[in-house]
Amino acid sequence: MKDKLQKLISEYGRIAFAVYLSIFALTMLGFGLAIAQGFEVDGVSSTAGTLGAAWVATKLTQPLRIGATLVLTPMVGAVINRRRSAE
C-alpha cells in the first residue's frame, strides 16, 4: 500500500494531499460530533476530551482513509482536469 500511495502522490501531488486532508477533517468532525452527541465527557475540559477521543477514533480509521484516498484521488483529479481543460 505504501508504494501505491507514493505513486499516487507523485502523480497527483497536491490533489492527493487535499483529498487525504479532506477525508481526515470530515472523519474527525464526524467522530467529534458523534462523541459530543452520544457521550458525556467528564474532566477539566470536556472540549479537549471530545477532541482527544475523536482524534483517537480518527487515527484508528487511518488504513480506511488511506484506501479511500487511493480510490478517490484519481476521480477528483479527473474532475479537476476536465474543469481546467474546459476553461
PDB file of N, CA and C in Angstrom:
ATOM      1  N   MET A   1       0.823  -1.186   0.000  1.00  0.00           N
ATOM      2  CA  MET A   1       0.000   0.000   0.000  1.00  0.00           C
ATOM      3  C   MET A   1       0.869   1.253   0.000  1.00  0.00           C
ATOM      4  N   LYS A   2       2.025   1.167   0.639  1.00  0.00           N
ATOM      5  CA  LYS A   2       2.930   2.312   0.704  1.00  0.00           C
ATOM      6  C   LYS A   2       3.392   2.711  -0.694  1.00  0.00           C
ATOM      7  N   ASP A   3       3.707   1.726  -1.537  1.00  0.00           N
ATOM      8  CA  ASP A   3       4.139   2.022  -2.906  1.00  0.00           C
ATOM      9  C   ASP A   3       3.022   2.682  -3.706  1.00  0.00           C
ATOM     10  N   LYS A   4       1.794   2.187  -3.540  1.00  0.00           N
ATOM     11  CA  LYS A   4       0.647   2.780  -4.241  1.00  0.00           C
ATOM     12  C   LYS A   4       0.446   4.224  -3.814  1.00  0.00           C
ATOM     13  N   LEU A   5       0.592   4.486  -2.522  1.00  0.00           N
ATOM     14  CA  LEU A   5       0.410   5.834  -2.013  1.00  0.00           C
ATOM     15  C   LEU A   5       1.496   6.768  -2.547  1.00  0.00           C
ATOM     16  N   GLN A   6       2.734   6.304  -2.575  1.00  0.00           N
ATOM     17  CA  GLN A   6       3.826   7.124  -3.106  1.00  0.00           C
ATOM     18  C   GLN A   6       3.630   7.412  -4.592  1.00  0.00           C
ATOM     19  N   LYS A   7       3.164   6.426  -5.342  1.00  0.00           N
ATOM     20  CA  LYS A   7       2.895   6.620  -6.760  1.00  0.00           C
ATOM     21  C   LYS A   7       1.781   7.640  -6.951  1.00  0.00           C
ATOM     22  N   LEU A   8       0.748   7.540  -6.134  1.00  0.00           N
ATOM     23  CA  LEU A   8      -0.378   8.465  -6.203  1.00  0.00           C
ATOM     24  C   LEU A   8       0.078   9.892  -5.919  1.00  0.00           C
ATOM     25  N   ILE A   9       0.910  10.061  -4.907  1.00  0.00           N
ATOM     26  CA  ILE A   9       1.412  11.386  -4.552  1.00  0.00           C
ATOM     27  C   ILE A   9       2.286  11.945  -5.666  1.00  0.00           C
ATOM     28  N   SER A  10       3.117  11.111  -6.264  1.00  0.00           N
ATOM     29  CA  SER A  10       3.968  11.609  -7.342  1.00  0.00           C
ATOM     30  C   SER A  10       3.151  11.965  -8.585  1.00  0.00           C
ATOM     31  N   GLU A  11       2.042  11.286  -8.804  1.00  0.00           N
ATOM     32  CA  GLU A  11       1.214  11.558  -9.986  1.00  0.00           C
ATOM     33  C   GLU A  11       0.266  12.734  -9.761  1.00  0.00           C
ATOM     34  N   TYR A  12      -0.359  12.822  -8.599  1.00  0.00           N
ATOM     35  CA  TYR A  12      -1.389  13.834  -8.358  1.00  0.00           C
ATOM     36  C   TYR A  12      -0.952  14.959  -7.432  1.00  0.00           C
ATOM     37  N   GLY A  13       0.103  14.762  -6.665  1.00  0.00           N
ATOM     38  CA  GLY A  13       0.654  15.808  -5.815  1.00  0.00           C
ATOM     39  C   GLY A  13      -0.331  16.419  -4.841  1.00  0.00           C
ATOM     40  N   ARG A  14      -0.578  17.716  -5.040  1.00  0.00           N
ATOM     41  CA  ARG A  14      -1.423  18.457  -4.108  1.00  0.00           C
ATOM     42  C   ARG A  14      -2.861  17.948  -4.075  1.00  0.00           C
ATOM     43  N   ILE A  15      -3.332  17.405  -5.184  1.00  0.00           N
ATOM     44  CA  ILE A  15      -4.701  16.871  -5.204  1.00  0.00           C
ATOM     45  C   ILE A  15      -4.812  15.703  -4.226  1.00  0.00           C
ATOM     46  N   ALA A  16      -3.840  14.800  -4.236  1.00  0.00           N
ATOM     47  CA  ALA A  16      -3.851  13.650  -3.317  1.00  0.00           C
ATOM     48  C   ALA A  16      -3.786  14.129  -1.874  1.00  0.00           C
ATOM     49  N   PHE A  17      -2.957  15.117  -1.621  1.00  0.00           N
ATOM     50  CA  PHE A  17      -2.827  15.659  -0.268  1.00  0.00           C
ATOM     51  C   PHE A  17      -4.137  16.299   0.183  1.00  0.00           C
ATOM     52  N   ALA A  18      -4.771  17.058  -0.705  1.00  0.00           N
ATOM     53  CA  ALA A  18      -6.045  17.711  -0.378  1.00  0.00           C
ATOM     54  C   ALA A  18      -7.147  16.682  -0.123  1.00  0.00           C
ATOM     55  N   VAL A  19      -7.177  15.616  -0.917  1.00  0.00           N
ATOM     56  CA  VAL A  19      -8.184  14.567  -0.715  1.00  0.00           C
ATOM     57  C   VAL A  19      -7.972  13.901   0.641  1.00  0.00           C
ATOM     58  N   TYR A  20      -6.732  13.573   0.964  1.00  0.00           N
ATOM     59  CA  TYR A  20      -6.442  12.930   2.247  1.00  0.00           C
ATOM     60  C   TYR A  20      -6.835  13.837   3.418  1.00  0.00           C
ATOM     61  N   LEU A  21      -6.440  15.110   3.343  1.00  0.00           N
ATOM     62  CA  LEU A  21      -6.770  16.027   4.437  1.00  0.00           C
ATOM     63  C   LEU A  21      -8.276  16.259   4.549  1.00  0.00           C
ATOM     64  N   SER A  22      -8.969  16.279   3.428  1.00  0.00           N
ATOM     65  CA  SER A  22     -10.430  16.435   3.457  1.00  0.00           C
ATOM     66  C   SER A  22     -11.087  15.240   4.143  1.00  0.00           C
ATOM     67  N   ILE A  23     -10.635  14.053   3.794  1.00  0.00           N
ATOM     68  CA  ILE A  23     -11.178  12.844   4.416  1.00  0.00           C
ATOM     69  C   ILE A  23     -10.869  12.850   5.914  1.00  0.00           C
ATOM     70  N   PHE A  24      -9.644  13.249   6.263  1.00  0.00           N
ATOM     71  CA  PHE A  24      -9.263  13.322   7.675  1.00  0.00           C
ATOM     72  C   PHE A  24     -10.165  14.294   8.425  1.00  0.00           C
ATOM     73  N   ALA A  25     -10.341  15.490   7.875  1.00  0.00           N
ATOM     74  CA  ALA A  25     -11.139  16.513   8.544  1.00  0.00           C
ATOM     75  C   ALA A  25     -12.592  16.075   8.697  1.00  0.00           C
ATOM     76  N   LEU A  26     -13.157  15.487   7.654  1.00  0.00           N
ATOM     77  CA  LEU A  26     -14.541  15.027   7.738  1.00  0.00           C
ATOM     78  C   LEU A  26     -14.699  13.896   8.752  1.00  0.00           C
ATOM     79  N   THR A  27     -13.724  13.003   8.805  1.00  0.00           N
ATOM     80  CA  THR A  27     -13.766  11.906   9.771  1.00  0.00           C
ATOM     81  C   THR A  27     -13.656  12.440  11.195  1.00  0.00           C
ATOM     82  N   MET A  28     -12.717  13.348  11.400  1.00  0.00           N
ATOM     83  CA  MET A  28     -12.525  13.939  12.725  1.00  0.00           C
ATOM     84  C   MET A  28     -13.779  14.700  13.159  1.00  0.00           C
ATOM     85  N   LEU A  29     -14.341  15.470  12.250  1.00  0.00           N
ATOM     86  CA  LEU A  29     -15.568  16.207  12.557  1.00  0.00           C
ATOM     87  C   LEU A  29     -16.716  15.254  12.873  1.00  0.00           C
ATOM     88  N   GLY A  30     -16.853  14.212  12.076  1.00  0.00           N
ATOM     89  CA  GLY A  30     -17.919  13.242  12.307  1.00  0.00           C
ATOM     90  C   GLY A  30     -17.800  12.555  13.653  1.00  0.00           C
ATOM     91  N   PHE A  31     -16.592  12.099  13.976  1.00  0.00           N
ATOM     92  CA  PHE A  31     -16.394  11.474  15.284  1.00  0.00           C
ATOM     93  C   PHE A  31     -16.600  12.475  16.414  1.00  0.00           C
ATOM     94  N   GLY A  32     -16.124  13.700  16.232  1.00  0.00           N
ATOM     95  CA  GLY A  32     -16.290  14.714  17.258  1.00  0.00           C
ATOM     96  C   GLY A  32     -17.764  14.991  17.546  1.00  0.00           C
ATOM     97  N   LEU A  33     -18.540  15.126  16.472  1.00  0.00           N
ATOM     98  CA  LEU A  33     -19.973  15.364  16.647  1.00  0.00           C
ATOM     99  C   LEU A  33     -20.672  14.161  17.278  1.00  0.00           C
ATOM    100  N   ALA A  34     -20.311  12.970  16.836  1.00  0.00           N
ATOM    101  CA  ALA A  34     -20.930  11.763  17.388  1.00  0.00           C
ATOM    102  C   ALA A  34     -20.618  11.617  18.872  1.00  0.00           C
ATOM    103  N   ILE A  35     -19.377  11.849  19.236  1.00  0.00           N
ATOM    104  CA  ILE A  35     -18.985  11.731  20.638  1.00  0.00           C
ATOM    105  C   ILE A  35     -19.670  12.815  21.467  1.00  0.00           C
ATOM    106  N   ALA A  36     -19.728  14.025  20.918  1.00  0.00           N
ATOM    107  CA  ALA A  36     -20.371  15.118  21.644  1.00  0.00           C
ATOM    108  C   ALA A  36     -21.867  14.849  21.849  1.00  0.00           C
ATOM    109  N   GLN A  37     -22.496  14.201  20.901  1.00  0.00           N
ATOM    110  CA  GLN A  37     -23.929  13.929  20.996  1.00  0.00           C
ATOM    111  C   GLN A  37     -24.248  12.694  21.839  1.00  0.00           C
ATOM    112  N   GLY A  38     -23.347  11.721  21.831  1.00  0.00           N
ATOM    113  CA  GLY A  38     -23.674  10.457  22.473  1.00  0.00           C
ATOM    114  C   GLY A  38     -23.001  10.178  23.793  1.00  0.00           C
ATOM    115  N   PHE A  39     -21.966  10.899  24.106  1.00  0.00           N
ATOM    116  CA  PHE A  39     -21.218  10.625  25.323  1.00  0.00           C
ATOM    117  C   PHE A  39     -20.980  11.908  26.091  1.00  0.00           C
ATOM    118  N   GLU A  40     -21.056  11.798  27.406  1.00  0.00           N
ATOM    119  CA  GLU A  40     -20.722  12.937  28.260  1.00  0.00           C
ATOM    120  C   GLU A  40     -19.299  12.743  28.742  1.00  0.00           C
ATOM    121  N   VAL A  41     -18.441  13.669  28.376  1.00  0.00           N
ATOM    122  CA  VAL A  41     -17.031  13.563  28.733  1.00  0.00           C
ATOM    123  C   VAL A  41     -16.797  14.347  30.009  1.00  0.00           C
ATOM    124  N   ASP A  42     -16.326  13.668  31.049  1.00  0.00           N
ATOM    125  CA  ASP A  42     -16.035  14.328  32.324  1.00  0.00           C
ATOM    126  C   ASP A  42     -14.563  14.690  32.374  1.00  0.00           C
ATOM    127  N   GLY A  43     -14.265  15.775  33.007  1.00  0.00           N
ATOM    128  CA  GLY A  43     -12.879  16.178  33.175  1.00  0.00           C
ATOM    129  C   GLY A  43     -12.760  17.685  33.246  1.00  0.00           C
ATOM    130  N   VAL A  44     -11.532  18.149  33.230  1.00  0.00           N
ATOM    131  CA  VAL A  44     -11.283  19.581  33.339  1.00  0.00           C
ATOM    132  C   VAL A  44     -11.864  20.312  32.140  1.00  0.00           C
ATOM    133  N   SER A  45     -11.630  19.783  30.973  1.00  0.00           N
ATOM    134  CA  SER A  45     -12.134  20.425  29.765  1.00  0.00           C
ATOM    135  C   SER A  45     -12.823  19.386  28.904  1.00  0.00           C
ATOM    136  N   SER A  46     -14.124  19.461  28.824  1.00  0.00           N
ATOM    137  CA  SER A  46     -14.841  18.459  28.035  1.00  0.00           C
ATOM    138  C   SER A  46     -14.528  18.604  26.554  1.00  0.00           C
ATOM    139  N   THR A  47     -14.194  19.820  26.094  1.00  0.00           N
ATOM    140  CA  THR A  47     -13.839  20.009  24.686  1.00  0.00           C
ATOM    141  C   THR A  47     -12.563  19.249  24.360  1.00  0.00           C
ATOM    142  N   ALA A  48     -11.567  19.335  25.212  1.00  0.00           N
ATOM    143  CA  ALA A  48     -10.316  18.616  24.977  1.00  0.00           C
ATOM    144  C   ALA A  48     -10.555  17.112  25.019  1.00  0.00           C
ATOM    145  N   GLY A  49     -11.427  16.653  25.901  1.00  0.00           N
ATOM    146  CA  GLY A  49     -11.731  15.233  25.974  1.00  0.00           C
ATOM    147  C   GLY A  49     -12.420  14.736  24.716  1.00  0.00           C
ATOM    148  N   THR A  50     -13.358  15.525  24.213  1.00  0.00           N
ATOM    149  CA  THR A  50     -14.067  15.152  22.996  1.00  0.00           C
ATOM    150  C   THR A  50     -13.112  15.143  21.805  1.00  0.00           C
ATOM    151  N   LEU A  51     -12.304  16.184  21.696  1.00  0.00           N
ATOM    152  CA  LEU A  51     -11.348  16.250  20.579  1.00  0.00           C
ATOM    153  C   LEU A  51     -10.317  15.125  20.658  1.00  0.00           C
ATOM    154  N   GLY A  52      -9.878  14.821  21.863  1.00  0.00           N
ATOM    155  CA  GLY A  52      -8.915  13.726  22.029  1.00  0.00           C
ATOM    156  C   GLY A  52      -9.503  12.381  21.637  1.00  0.00           C
ATOM    157  N   ALA A  53     -10.726  12.137  22.076  1.00  0.00           N
ATOM    158  CA  ALA A  53     -11.395  10.882  21.722  1.00  0.00           C
ATOM    159  C   ALA A  53     -11.658  10.817  20.220  1.00  0.00           C
ATOM    160  N   ALA A  54     -12.035  11.961  19.626  1.00  0.00           N
ATOM    161  CA  ALA A  54     -12.268  11.999  18.178  1.00  0.00           C
ATOM    162  C   ALA A  54     -10.974  11.735  17.426  1.00  0.00           C
ATOM    163  N   TRP A  55      -9.851  12.285  17.936  1.00  0.00           N
ATOM    164  CA  TRP A  55      -8.560  12.060  17.279  1.00  0.00           C
ATOM    165  C   TRP A  55      -8.176  10.588  17.336  1.00  0.00           C
ATOM    166  N   VAL A  56      -8.360   9.954  18.483  1.00  0.00           N
ATOM    167  CA  VAL A  56      -8.038   8.529  18.621  1.00  0.00           C
ATOM    168  C   VAL A  56      -8.895   7.697  17.667  1.00  0.00           C
ATOM    169  N   ALA A  57     -10.185   7.979  17.608  1.00  0.00           N
ATOM    170  CA  ALA A  57     -11.077   7.239  16.705  1.00  0.00           C
ATOM    171  C   ALA A  57     -10.680   7.469  15.252  1.00  0.00           C
ATOM    172  N   THR A  58     -10.321   8.709  14.928  1.00  0.00           N
ATOM    173  CA  THR A  58      -9.887   9.028  13.563  1.00  0.00           C
ATOM    174  C   THR A  58      -8.591   8.298  13.236  1.00  0.00           C
ATOM    175  N   LYS A  59      -7.685   8.248  14.180  1.00  0.00           N
ATOM    176  CA  LYS A  59      -6.406   7.562  13.969  1.00  0.00           C
ATOM    177  C   LYS A  59      -6.630   6.069  13.703  1.00  0.00           C
ATOM    178  N   LEU A  60      -7.612   5.480  14.377  1.00  0.00           N
ATOM    179  CA  LEU A  60      -7.905   4.060  14.169  1.00  0.00           C
ATOM    180  C   LEU A  60      -8.436   3.779  12.759  1.00  0.00           C
ATOM    181  N   THR A  61      -9.001   4.788  12.132  1.00  0.00           N
ATOM    182  CA  THR A  61      -9.532   4.607  10.773  1.00  0.00           C
ATOM    183  C   THR A  61      -8.501   4.930   9.688  1.00  0.00           C
ATOM    184  N   GLN A  62      -7.255   5.172  10.052  1.00  0.00           N
ATOM    185  CA  GLN A  62      -6.241   5.588   9.078  1.00  0.00           C
ATOM    186  C   GLN A  62      -6.109   4.637   7.887  1.00  0.00           C
ATOM    187  N   PRO A  63      -6.053   3.318   8.078  1.00  0.00           N
ATOM    188  CA  PRO A  63      -5.952   2.446   6.894  1.00  0.00           C
ATOM    189  C   PRO A  63      -7.146   2.609   5.939  1.00  0.00           C
ATOM    190  N   LEU A  64      -8.329   2.798   6.497  1.00  0.00           N
ATOM    191  CA  LEU A  64      -9.508   3.012   5.653  1.00  0.00           C
ATOM    192  C   LEU A  64      -9.424   4.352   4.930  1.00  0.00           C
ATOM    193  N   ARG A  65      -8.921   5.368   5.608  1.00  0.00           N
ATOM    194  CA  ARG A  65      -8.808   6.690   4.992  1.00  0.00           C
ATOM    195  C   ARG A  65      -7.766   6.684   3.881  1.00  0.00           C
ATOM    196  N   ILE A  66      -6.674   5.954   4.079  1.00  0.00           N
ATOM    197  CA  ILE A  66      -5.663   5.844   3.022  1.00  0.00           C
ATOM    198  C   ILE A  66      -6.248   5.111   1.821  1.00  0.00           C
ATOM    199  N   GLY A  67      -6.989   4.049   2.068  1.00  0.00           N
ATOM    200  CA  GLY A  67      -7.648   3.325   0.976  1.00  0.00           C
ATOM    201  C   GLY A  67      -8.623   4.208   0.231  1.00  0.00           C
ATOM    202  N   ALA A  68      -9.394   4.995   0.957  1.00  0.00           N
ATOM    203  CA  ALA A  68     -10.338   5.915   0.314  1.00  0.00           C
ATOM    204  C   ALA A  68      -9.594   6.964  -0.504  1.00  0.00           C
ATOM    205  N   THR A  69      -8.454   7.409  -0.010  1.00  0.00           N
ATOM    206  CA  THR A  69      -7.649   8.376  -0.755  1.00  0.00           C
ATOM    207  C   THR A  69      -7.155   7.768  -2.056  1.00  0.00           C
ATOM    208  N   LEU A  70      -6.712   6.506  -2.002  1.00  0.00           N
ATOM    209  CA  LEU A  70      -6.246   5.823  -3.209  1.00  0.00           C
ATOM    210  C   LEU A  70      -7.358   5.691  -4.244  1.00  0.00           C
ATOM    211  N   VAL A  71      -8.576   5.478  -3.791  1.00  0.00           N
ATOM    212  CA  VAL A  71      -9.713   5.303  -4.704  1.00  0.00           C
ATOM    213  C   VAL A  71     -10.225   6.641  -5.218  1.00  0.00           C
ATOM    214  N   LEU A  72     -10.349   7.621  -4.341  1.00  0.00           N
ATOM    215  CA  LEU A  72     -10.995   8.882  -4.702  1.00  0.00           C
ATOM    216  C   LEU A  72     -10.097   9.868  -5.450  1.00  0.00           C
ATOM    217  N   THR A  73      -8.796   9.848  -5.204  1.00  0.00           N
ATOM    218  CA  THR A  73      -7.910  10.835  -5.815  1.00  0.00           C
ATOM    219  C   THR A  73      -7.949  10.817  -7.342  1.00  0.00           C
ATOM    220  N   PRO A  74      -7.878   9.661  -8.000  1.00  0.00           N
ATOM    221  CA  PRO A  74      -7.964   9.699  -9.474  1.00  0.00           C
ATOM    222  C   PRO A  74      -9.285  10.287  -9.971  1.00  0.00           C
ATOM    223  N   MET A  75     -10.373  10.030  -9.267  1.00  0.00           N
ATOM    224  CA  MET A  75     -11.668  10.599  -9.663  1.00  0.00           C
ATOM    225  C   MET A  75     -11.673  12.115  -9.496  1.00  0.00           C
ATOM    226  N   VAL A  76     -11.184  12.586  -8.369  1.00  0.00           N
ATOM    227  CA  VAL A  76     -11.127  14.022  -8.122  1.00  0.00           C
ATOM    228  C   VAL A  76     -10.180  14.676  -9.130  1.00  0.00           C
ATOM    229  N   GLY A  77      -9.059  14.038  -9.389  1.00  0.00           N
ATOM    230  CA  GLY A  77      -8.106  14.559 -10.379  1.00  0.00           C
ATOM    231  C   GLY A  77      -8.720  14.664 -11.763  1.00  0.00           C
ATOM    232  N   ALA A  78      -9.509  13.674 -12.168  1.00  0.00           N
ATOM    233  CA  ALA A  78     -10.167  13.708 -13.480  1.00  0.00           C
ATOM    234  C   ALA A  78     -11.151  14.864 -13.562  1.00  0.00           C
ATOM    235  N   VAL A  79     -11.926  15.082 -12.502  1.00  0.00           N
ATOM    236  CA  VAL A  79     -12.886  16.192 -12.482  1.00  0.00           C
ATOM    237  C   VAL A  79     -12.158  17.530 -12.573  1.00  0.00           C
ATOM    238  N   ILE A  80     -11.094  17.682 -11.811  1.00  0.00           N
ATOM    239  CA  ILE A  80     -10.338  18.930 -11.819  1.00  0.00           C
ATOM    240  C   ILE A  80      -9.716  19.153 -13.201  1.00  0.00           C
ATOM    241  N   ASN A  81      -9.136  18.119 -13.789  1.00  0.00           N
ATOM    242  CA  ASN A  81      -8.524  18.260 -15.117  1.00  0.00           C
ATOM    243  C   ASN A  81      -9.558  18.600 -16.178  1.00  0.00           C
ATOM    244  N   ARG A  82     -10.755  18.006 -16.082  1.00  0.00           N
ATOM    245  CA  ARG A  82     -11.827  18.321 -17.023  1.00  0.00           C
ATOM    246  C   ARG A  82     -12.237  19.777 -16.913  1.00  0.00           C
ATOM    247  N   ARG A  83     -12.346  20.261 -15.703  1.00  0.00           N
ATOM    248  CA  ARG A  83     -12.728  21.671 -15.489  1.00  0.00           C
ATOM    249  C   ARG A  83     -11.651  22.611 -15.984  1.00  0.00           C
ATOM    250  N   ARG A  84     -10.404  22.256 -15.775  1.00  0.00           N
ATOM    251  CA  ARG A  84      -9.286  23.109 -16.241  1.00  0.00           C
ATOM    252  C   ARG A  84      -9.254  23.162 -17.775  1.00  0.00           C
ATOM    253  N   SER A  85      -9.491  22.027 -18.414  1.00  0.00           N
ATOM    254  CA  SER A  85      -9.441  21.996 -19.868  1.00  0.00           C
ATOM    255  C   SER A  85     -10.661  22.669 -20.501  1.00  0.00           C
ATOM    256  N   ALA A  86     -11.763  22.760 -19.761  1.00  0.00           N
ATOM    257  CA  ALA A  86     -12.967  23.417 -20.268  1.00  0.00           C
ATOM    258  C   ALA A  86     -12.847  24.936 -20.217  1.00  0.00           C
ATOM    259  N   GLU A  87     -11.949  25.439 -19.395  1.00  0.00           N
ATOM    260  CA  GLU A  87     -11.796  26.900 -19.242  1.00  0.00           C
ATOM    261  C   GLU A  87     -11.068  27.482 -20.362  1.00  0.00           C
TER     262      GLU A  87
END
